[in-house]
Amino acid sequence: MSDSASALIFSDAAATKVKALIEDEGNDKLKLRVYITGGGCSGFQYGFTFDEKAQEGDTEVENQGVKVVVDPMSIQYLEGAEIDYKEGL
């Protein structure tokens, strides 16, 4: 598992929201897993899920005690991206 803060930006707003969602789940071992799947002619599809464990080779980014994990295949497409959270219309 590598820790590369420059690989992915995890904003304070996103960390706060994910922390609240993890508290709602009642499992403080959860991490936010971000991944990409092939989308055919519509391009890549981005996914988010909760995962209890980081896998071998995952990149891990932490903010406010909340961890985001990304698999090696997905991180190459997410490098330099920002995970943020905004409320509004």
Protein backbone atom coordinates (compact mmCIF):
# COMPACT_ATOMS: atom_id res chain seq x y z
CA MET A 1 0.00 0.00 0.00
CA SER A 2 1.46 3.34 -0.99
CA ASP A 3 0.62 6.70 0.50
CA SER A 4 0.78 9.41 -2.08
CA ALA A 5 -0.76 12.70 -1.05
CA SER A 6 0.09 14.21 -4.45
CA ALA A 7 -1.63 11.39 -6.32
CA LEU A 8 -5.12 12.40 -5.23
CA ILE A 9 -6.58 15.42 -3.43
CA PHE A 10 -9.18 14.65 -0.76
CA SER A 11 -10.82 17.93 0.29
CA ASP A 12 -11.84 18.85 3.82
CA ALA A 13 -15.50 19.08 2.74
CA ALA A 14 -15.41 15.56 1.27
CA ALA A 15 -13.63 14.16 4.33
CA THR A 16 -16.26 15.72 6.63
CA LYS A 17 -19.12 14.23 4.57
CA VAL A 18 -17.51 10.79 4.32
CA LYS A 19 -16.80 10.84 8.06
CA ALA A 20 -20.51 11.50 8.73
CA LEU A 21 -21.53 8.66 6.39
CA ILE A 22 -19.10 6.27 8.11
CA GLU A 23 -20.54 7.28 11.51
CA ASP A 24 -24.04 6.53 10.13
CA GLU A 25 -22.81 3.06 9.13
CA GLY A 26 -21.50 2.45 12.66
CA ASN A 27 -18.21 0.91 11.48
CA ASP A 28 -15.13 3.06 12.10
CA LYS A 29 -12.95 0.65 10.05
CA LEU A 30 -14.55 1.75 6.79
CA LYS A 31 -12.52 3.51 4.11
CA LEU A 32 -13.85 5.17 0.97
CA ARG A 33 -12.81 3.17 -2.09
CA VAL A 34 -12.72 5.10 -5.37
CA TYR A 35 -12.44 3.12 -8.59
CA ILE A 36 -12.80 3.38 -12.35
CA THR A 37 -14.40 0.87 -14.68
CA GLY A 38 -14.35 0.87 -18.46
CA GLY A 39 -17.44 2.47 -19.89
CA GLY A 40 -17.18 1.43 -23.52
CA CYS A 41 -18.08 4.21 -25.95
CA SER A 42 -19.25 6.45 -23.10
CA GLY A 43 -15.79 6.47 -21.51
CA PHE A 44 -14.83 5.66 -17.95
CA GLN A 45 -17.29 5.30 -15.11
CA TYR A 46 -16.30 6.39 -11.62
CA GLY A 47 -17.45 4.52 -8.56
CA PHE A 48 -17.40 4.95 -4.80
CA THR A 49 -17.97 2.31 -2.16
CA PHE A 50 -16.99 1.59 1.42
CA ASP A 51 -14.33 -1.02 2.13
CA GLU A 52 -12.95 -2.24 5.45
CA LYS A 53 -9.50 -3.14 4.13
CA ALA A 54 -6.93 -1.67 1.83
CA GLN A 55 -5.58 -4.16 -0.69
CA GLU A 56 -1.98 -4.78 -1.70
CA GLY A 57 -0.82 -1.96 -3.98
CA ASP A 58 -3.63 0.45 -3.07
CA THR A 59 -2.85 4.14 -2.82
CA GLU A 60 -4.16 5.61 0.42
CA VAL A 61 -4.91 9.28 1.11
CA GLU A 62 -6.08 10.49 4.51
CA ASN A 63 -7.79 13.67 5.67
CA GLN A 64 -9.29 14.26 9.14
CA GLY A 65 -8.79 10.61 10.00
CA VAL A 66 -10.81 9.45 6.98
CA LYS A 67 -9.02 7.28 4.42
CA VAL A 68 -9.56 7.00 0.68
CA VAL A 69 -8.12 3.95 -1.06
CA VAL A 70 -7.61 3.52 -4.80
CA ASP A 71 -6.47 0.38 -6.61
CA PRO A 72 -3.34 0.50 -8.82
CA MET A 73 -5.29 0.34 -12.09
CA SER A 74 -7.60 3.24 -11.17
CA ILE A 75 -4.97 5.54 -9.63
CA GLN A 76 -3.24 5.99 -12.98
CA TYR A 77 -6.42 7.69 -14.28
CA LEU A 78 -7.16 9.58 -11.07
CA GLU A 79 -3.71 11.04 -10.50
CA GLY A 80 -4.08 14.74 -9.74
CA ALA A 81 -7.88 14.52 -9.38
CA GLU A 82 -9.73 16.06 -6.46
CA ILE A 83 -12.44 14.35 -4.44
CA ASP A 84 -14.69 17.11 -3.15
CA TYR A 85 -18.22 17.47 -1.79
CA LYS A 86 -20.62 20.34 -2.44
CA GLU A 87 -24.28 20.78 -1.61
CA GLY A 88 -26.52 22.79 -3.87
CA LEU A 89 -28.69 22.69 -6.91
